[in-house]
Each structure stands twice: as structure tokens, then as C-alpha cells.
Amino acid sequence: MRVLASITIAIMLAAGASVTRAHQAPQGWEYPFACCSGADCAQIDPREVKLGKTGFVVTIAPGRHPMWPKERREPLILQIPHDKARLSPDGLWHLCINDAGELLCFFAPGGDS
């Protein structure tokens, strides 16, 4: 009986552990766990990113990111230094923010994208 209870607990713990995994980008790669908690990351439109001398300026209109809903009314504007950008595995732009609009991770394509 104790063996069965131990197995059941182990299965429940393993199932719970899978819930803490990061979620996937639309192209199938997983956002790093440090960047999100299952909903903080999303692919963004290249038109929302401008390249500056010291980094990137990202402007997210309300409703254009899961963590920046339409209720916000004002766009989120982030200035992201070059050294905070990570190389995007799929060559597309991705932004991870918390519900306060604070930067968690930013993925930029390499080269001239």
C-alpha cells in the first residue's frame, strides 16, 4: 500500500513539475524559464522595434502583447540596450514582460533583420 502511495505522489509531483516549464514560441522553441512564467513572452511585429545607437526602442500598443492588454490604453515604450538582447532562435522578434510592463527578456534576430 505504501509503495502505491509513493508512486502516486511521485506521479503528482512530476505532473506539477511539468507545469513550471516555460511556454513555447509559435515556431516551437521554448522560451527560457528565466524569461517567463507561462504567459509573459510573445512574438512581436518587426514594426514595433526601432534600432537606435545604444539599443532598441520597442513600442507595444495596447492589446498587441498578452501582458499589455487593451485596458492599458497607453502604449508601452521600452528602451533596451544592445547587451540585454538575446539572439532569437527563429530569426523573429520576441518580447517577455511582466504585467507591469517591465522587461524580462528580449529576443532579436541576428544580422540585418
Protein backbone atom coordinates (compact mmCIF):
# COMPACT_ATOMS: atom_id res chain seq x y z
CA MET A 1 0.00 0.00 0.00
CA ARG A 2 2.82 2.42 0.87
CA VAL A 3 4.53 1.66 -2.45
CA LEU A 4 1.35 2.58 -4.33
CA ALA A 5 1.02 5.81 -2.34
CA SER A 6 4.67 6.68 -3.04
CA ILE A 7 4.19 6.06 -6.76
CA THR A 8 1.04 8.21 -6.79
CA ILE A 9 2.85 11.06 -5.02
CA ALA A 10 5.80 10.79 -7.42
CA ILE A 11 3.46 10.98 -10.41
CA MET A 12 1.67 14.01 -8.95
CA LEU A 13 4.98 15.77 -8.29
CA ALA A 14 6.20 15.03 -11.81
CA ALA A 15 2.97 16.39 -13.28
CA GLY A 16 3.31 19.52 -11.18
CA ALA A 17 6.90 19.98 -12.31
CA SER A 18 5.83 19.96 -15.94
CA VAL A 19 3.53 22.90 -15.26
CA THR A 20 6.50 25.07 -14.32
CA ARG A 21 8.14 24.68 -17.73
CA ALA A 22 8.41 27.72 -19.95
CA HIS A 23 5.96 28.03 -22.80
CA GLN A 24 6.76 27.75 -26.48
CA ALA A 25 7.20 30.37 -29.16
CA PRO A 26 4.92 29.96 -32.20
CA GLN A 27 7.76 28.26 -34.11
CA GLY A 28 8.15 25.60 -31.41
CA TRP A 29 11.24 26.58 -29.41
CA GLU A 30 10.84 27.11 -25.69
CA TYR A 31 11.33 30.47 -24.08
CA PRO A 32 13.85 30.14 -21.23
CA PHE A 33 12.19 29.67 -17.86
CA ALA A 34 14.01 32.75 -16.54
CA CYS A 35 12.13 34.85 -19.10
CA CYS A 36 8.58 33.84 -18.36
CA SER A 37 6.08 32.07 -16.22
CA GLY A 38 3.94 30.67 -18.99
CA ALA A 39 2.41 33.81 -20.48
CA ASP A 40 4.96 36.62 -20.35
CA CYS A 41 6.57 36.08 -23.77
CA ALA A 42 5.21 36.70 -27.23
CA GLN A 43 6.41 37.22 -30.77
CA ILE A 44 6.16 40.88 -31.74
CA ASP A 45 5.83 42.62 -35.07
CA PRO A 46 9.12 43.96 -36.52
CA ARG A 47 7.42 47.35 -36.97
CA GLU A 48 7.27 47.62 -33.17
CA VAL A 49 11.07 47.66 -32.96
CA LYS A 50 13.35 50.54 -33.90
CA LEU A 51 17.12 50.27 -33.83
CA GLY A 52 18.99 53.09 -32.14
CA LYS A 53 22.65 53.79 -31.47
CA THR A 54 22.60 52.33 -27.97
CA GLY A 55 19.96 49.67 -28.41
CA PHE A 56 16.37 49.05 -29.39
CA VAL A 57 13.21 51.07 -28.80
CA VAL A 58 10.19 48.77 -28.59
CA THR A 59 6.69 50.25 -28.70
CA ILE A 60 3.81 47.92 -27.85
CA ALA A 61 0.31 49.21 -28.45
CA PRO A 62 -2.38 48.09 -26.00
CA GLY A 63 -3.65 44.65 -26.96
CA ARG A 64 -0.55 43.75 -29.03
CA HIS A 65 1.09 41.62 -26.31
CA PRO A 66 -0.59 39.23 -23.83
CA MET A 67 0.89 41.13 -20.90
CA TRP A 68 -0.12 44.57 -22.26
CA PRO A 69 -3.91 44.31 -22.74
CA LYS A 70 -6.20 46.86 -24.38
CA GLU A 71 -7.25 48.12 -20.96
CA ARG A 72 -3.83 49.79 -20.62
CA ARG A 73 -4.86 52.48 -23.14
CA GLU A 74 -1.29 53.84 -23.46
CA PRO A 75 1.48 52.18 -25.45
CA LEU A 76 4.37 50.56 -23.62
CA ILE A 77 7.71 52.02 -24.69
CA LEU A 78 10.86 50.16 -23.70
CA GLN A 79 14.45 51.20 -24.34
CA ILE A 80 16.51 48.03 -24.45
CA PRO A 81 20.32 48.23 -24.56
CA HIS A 82 22.10 46.03 -27.11
CA ASP A 83 23.63 43.94 -24.32
CA LYS A 84 20.17 42.98 -22.99
CA ALA A 85 19.10 41.44 -26.32
CA ARG A 86 19.34 37.69 -26.80
CA LEU A 87 19.75 36.04 -30.18
CA SER A 88 16.38 34.85 -31.45
CA PRO A 89 16.40 31.12 -32.29
CA ASP A 90 13.87 31.58 -35.09
CA GLY A 91 15.08 34.90 -36.54
CA LEU A 92 11.98 36.76 -35.31
CA TRP A 93 11.41 39.38 -32.60
CA HIS A 94 10.11 38.25 -29.19
CA LEU A 95 9.41 40.23 -26.03
CA CYS A 96 8.93 38.95 -22.49
CA ILE A 97 7.48 41.41 -19.98
CA ASN A 98 5.71 41.15 -16.67
CA ASP A 99 2.23 42.59 -16.04
CA ALA A 100 3.79 45.91 -15.01
CA GLY A 101 5.47 46.20 -18.41
CA GLU A 102 8.97 45.57 -17.07
CA LEU A 103 11.43 43.83 -19.36
CA LEU A 104 12.19 40.19 -18.61
CA CYS A 105 13.81 39.13 -21.91
CA PHE A 106 14.09 40.43 -25.46
CA PHE A 107 14.98 38.28 -28.47
CA ALA A 108 16.33 39.93 -31.61
CA PRO A 109 17.20 38.32 -34.93
CA GLY A 110 20.86 38.31 -35.86
CA GLY A 111 22.23 40.20 -38.86
CA ASP A 112 20.18 42.80 -40.70
CA SER A 113 16.66 41.74 -39.63
